[in-house]
Amino acid sequence: MNAAALLRILRRRATKLGLRHEEIEAKGSHLKVRHGAGQTVVPLHRGDMPNGTYRAILRQLGLTEADLGD
């Protein structure tokens, strides 16, 4: 999954569930994001992000892949 798609899913999920979603600051090619009670940094690189990075972002936000499919 690429960063733009992940951010789009997180925004839609926040709107649907009434959660707080803030894209706080961008520094270089990274964006700090608060989603619900979690906070993480999303790399804004081209192409798909590595699976480990994707899973780490979800873990830091307290989400699972199933949560994104809602």
N, C-alpha and C. Protein backbone atom coordinates (compact mmCIF):
# COMPACT_ATOMS: atom_id res chain seq x y z
N MET A 1 0.85 -1.17 0.00
CA MET A 1 0.00 0.00 0.00
C MET A 1 0.90 1.23 0.00
N ASN A 2 0.50 2.24 -0.76
CA ASN A 2 1.29 3.46 -0.75
C ASN A 2 0.74 4.44 0.29
N ALA A 3 1.51 5.47 0.59
CA ALA A 3 1.16 6.41 1.66
C ALA A 3 -0.13 7.16 1.37
N ALA A 4 -0.33 7.58 0.13
CA ALA A 4 -1.54 8.34 -0.22
C ALA A 4 -2.80 7.50 0.02
N ALA A 5 -2.75 6.23 -0.35
CA ALA A 5 -3.91 5.35 -0.14
C ALA A 5 -4.16 5.13 1.35
N LEU A 6 -3.11 4.94 2.13
CA LEU A 6 -3.27 4.74 3.57
C LEU A 6 -3.87 5.98 4.22
N LEU A 7 -3.38 7.16 3.88
CA LEU A 7 -3.91 8.40 4.45
C LEU A 7 -5.37 8.60 4.07
N ARG A 8 -5.73 8.26 2.84
CA ARG A 8 -7.11 8.39 2.37
C ARG A 8 -8.02 7.47 3.20
N ILE A 9 -7.59 6.24 3.44
CA ILE A 9 -8.37 5.29 4.23
C ILE A 9 -8.51 5.78 5.67
N LEU A 10 -7.43 6.29 6.25
CA LEU A 10 -7.48 6.79 7.62
C LEU A 10 -8.43 7.98 7.75
N ARG A 11 -8.41 8.89 6.77
CA ARG A 11 -9.33 10.05 6.79
C ARG A 11 -10.77 9.59 6.73
N ARG A 12 -11.07 8.67 5.82
CA ARG A 12 -12.45 8.16 5.69
C ARG A 12 -12.89 7.45 6.96
N ARG A 13 -12.00 6.65 7.54
CA ARG A 13 -12.32 5.92 8.77
C ARG A 13 -12.61 6.89 9.91
N ALA A 14 -11.82 7.95 10.02
CA ALA A 14 -12.01 8.94 11.08
C ALA A 14 -13.36 9.64 10.91
N THR A 15 -13.70 9.99 9.68
CA THR A 15 -14.98 10.65 9.42
C THR A 15 -16.14 9.73 9.75
N LYS A 16 -16.04 8.48 9.33
CA LYS A 16 -17.10 7.50 9.53
C LYS A 16 -17.33 7.22 11.01
N LEU A 17 -16.24 7.11 11.78
CA LEU A 17 -16.34 6.74 13.20
C LEU A 17 -16.31 7.93 14.14
N GLY A 18 -16.17 9.13 13.61
CA GLY A 18 -16.13 10.32 14.45
C GLY A 18 -14.86 10.44 15.27
N LEU A 19 -13.76 9.95 14.72
CA LEU A 19 -12.47 10.01 15.41
C LEU A 19 -11.70 11.27 15.03
N ARG A 20 -10.77 11.63 15.89
CA ARG A 20 -9.87 12.74 15.57
C ARG A 20 -8.82 12.24 14.58
N HIS A 21 -8.61 13.00 13.52
CA HIS A 21 -7.55 12.69 12.56
C HIS A 21 -6.86 14.00 12.22
N GLU A 22 -5.59 14.11 12.57
CA GLU A 22 -4.82 15.31 12.30
C GLU A 22 -3.54 14.95 11.57
N GLU A 23 -3.25 15.68 10.54
CA GLU A 23 -1.96 15.56 9.86
C GLU A 23 -1.16 16.76 10.33
N ILE A 24 -0.32 16.53 11.34
CA ILE A 24 0.29 17.58 12.13
C ILE A 24 1.35 18.37 11.38
N GLU A 25 2.36 17.70 10.92
CA GLU A 25 3.44 18.42 10.26
C GLU A 25 4.16 17.51 9.30
N ALA A 26 4.70 18.10 8.28
CA ALA A 26 5.52 17.37 7.32
C ALA A 26 6.94 17.89 7.45
N LYS A 27 7.87 16.97 7.50
CA LYS A 27 9.27 17.35 7.56
C LYS A 27 9.99 16.48 6.54
N GLY A 28 10.47 17.11 5.50
CA GLY A 28 11.08 16.33 4.43
C GLY A 28 10.02 15.51 3.74
N SER A 29 10.22 14.21 3.67
CA SER A 29 9.27 13.33 3.01
C SER A 29 8.50 12.48 4.01
N HIS A 30 8.27 13.01 5.22
CA HIS A 30 7.55 12.29 6.25
C HIS A 30 6.46 13.18 6.84
N LEU A 31 5.33 12.56 7.19
CA LEU A 31 4.19 13.29 7.72
C LEU A 31 3.81 12.71 9.07
N LYS A 32 3.71 13.56 10.07
CA LYS A 32 3.28 13.13 11.40
C LYS A 32 1.76 13.13 11.43
N VAL A 33 1.17 12.02 11.88
CA VAL A 33 -0.28 11.84 11.86
C VAL A 33 -0.77 11.41 13.23
N ARG A 34 -1.86 12.05 13.69
CA ARG A 34 -2.59 11.60 14.88
C ARG A 34 -3.92 11.05 14.39
N HIS A 35 -4.23 9.84 14.82
CA HIS A 35 -5.48 9.20 14.42
C HIS A 35 -6.05 8.53 15.65
N GLY A 36 -7.19 9.01 16.11
CA GLY A 36 -7.75 8.48 17.35
C GLY A 36 -6.80 8.79 18.49
N ALA A 37 -6.41 7.77 19.25
CA ALA A 37 -5.51 7.97 20.38
C ALA A 37 -4.05 7.75 20.00
N GLY A 38 -3.77 7.33 18.77
CA GLY A 38 -2.41 7.01 18.36
C GLY A 38 -1.76 8.10 17.53
N GLN A 39 -0.45 8.02 17.47
CA GLN A 39 0.33 8.96 16.67
C GLN A 39 1.46 8.19 15.99
N THR A 40 1.77 8.56 14.75
CA THR A 40 2.83 7.89 14.01
C THR A 40 3.38 8.83 12.94
N VAL A 41 4.42 8.37 12.26
CA VAL A 41 5.00 9.10 11.14
C VAL A 41 4.83 8.23 9.90
N VAL A 42 4.28 8.85 8.84
CA VAL A 42 4.05 8.13 7.58
C VAL A 42 5.04 8.65 6.54
N PRO A 43 5.83 7.75 5.94
CA PRO A 43 6.76 8.18 4.89
C PRO A 43 6.00 8.48 3.60
N LEU A 44 6.28 9.59 2.99
CA LEU A 44 5.59 10.01 1.77
C LEU A 44 6.42 9.70 0.53
N HIS A 45 6.99 8.52 0.49
CA HIS A 45 7.82 8.11 -0.64
C HIS A 45 6.95 7.56 -1.75
N ARG A 46 7.47 7.56 -2.97
CA ARG A 46 6.74 7.00 -4.10
C ARG A 46 6.66 5.48 -3.98
N GLY A 47 5.64 4.94 -4.58
CA GLY A 47 5.48 3.49 -4.61
C GLY A 47 4.95 2.94 -3.30
N ASP A 48 4.88 1.63 -3.24
CA ASP A 48 4.38 0.96 -2.05
C ASP A 48 5.39 1.00 -0.93
N MET A 49 4.89 1.16 0.30
CA MET A 49 5.79 1.12 1.45
C MET A 49 6.05 -0.34 1.82
N PRO A 50 7.19 -0.63 2.42
CA PRO A 50 7.49 -2.00 2.82
C PRO A 50 6.43 -2.51 3.81
N ASN A 51 6.16 -3.82 3.78
CA ASN A 51 5.15 -4.42 4.65
C ASN A 51 5.43 -4.16 6.13
N GLY A 52 6.68 -4.22 6.54
CA GLY A 52 7.02 -3.97 7.94
C GLY A 52 6.70 -2.55 8.37
N THR A 53 6.93 -1.59 7.49
CA THR A 53 6.60 -0.20 7.78
C THR A 53 5.10 -0.03 7.91
N TYR A 54 4.37 -0.63 6.99
CA TYR A 54 2.90 -0.57 7.00
C TYR A 54 2.35 -1.15 8.30
N ARG A 55 2.83 -2.33 8.68
CA ARG A 55 2.36 -2.97 9.92
C ARG A 55 2.75 -2.16 11.15
N ALA A 56 3.93 -1.55 11.15
CA ALA A 56 4.37 -0.73 12.28
C ALA A 56 3.48 0.50 12.43
N ILE A 57 3.10 1.11 11.32
CA ILE A 57 2.20 2.27 11.36
C ILE A 57 0.87 1.87 11.97
N LEU A 58 0.31 0.76 11.51
CA LEU A 58 -0.96 0.29 12.06
C LEU A 58 -0.84 -0.01 13.56
N ARG A 59 0.24 -0.67 13.95
CA ARG A 59 0.46 -1.01 15.37
C ARG A 59 0.55 0.26 16.21
N GLN A 60 1.25 1.28 15.74
CA GLN A 60 1.40 2.52 16.49
C GLN A 60 0.08 3.26 16.62
N LEU A 61 -0.82 3.07 15.67
CA LEU A 61 -2.14 3.70 15.73
C LEU A 61 -3.16 2.83 16.45
N GLY A 62 -2.74 1.64 16.85
CA GLY A 62 -3.64 0.72 17.55
C GLY A 62 -4.68 0.09 16.65
N LEU A 63 -4.32 -0.13 15.38
CA LEU A 63 -5.23 -0.68 14.39
C LEU A 63 -4.74 -2.03 13.89
N THR A 64 -5.65 -2.76 13.26
CA THR A 64 -5.31 -3.96 12.53
C THR A 64 -5.73 -3.76 11.08
N GLU A 65 -5.31 -4.66 10.21
CA GLU A 65 -5.71 -4.56 8.81
C GLU A 65 -7.22 -4.70 8.68
N ALA A 66 -7.84 -5.49 9.55
CA ALA A 66 -9.29 -5.66 9.52
C ALA A 66 -10.00 -4.34 9.84
N ASP A 67 -9.40 -3.52 10.69
CA ASP A 67 -10.01 -2.22 11.02
C ASP A 67 -10.11 -1.32 9.80
N LEU A 68 -9.19 -1.43 8.88
CA LEU A 68 -9.18 -0.59 7.69
C LEU A 68 -10.20 -1.03 6.67
N GLY A 69 -10.64 -2.26 6.75
CA GLY A 69 -11.60 -2.79 5.80
C GLY A 69 -13.03 -2.43 6.10
N ASP A 70 -13.29 -1.78 7.23
CA ASP A 70 -14.68 -1.46 7.63
C ASP A 70 -15.36 -0.53 6.66
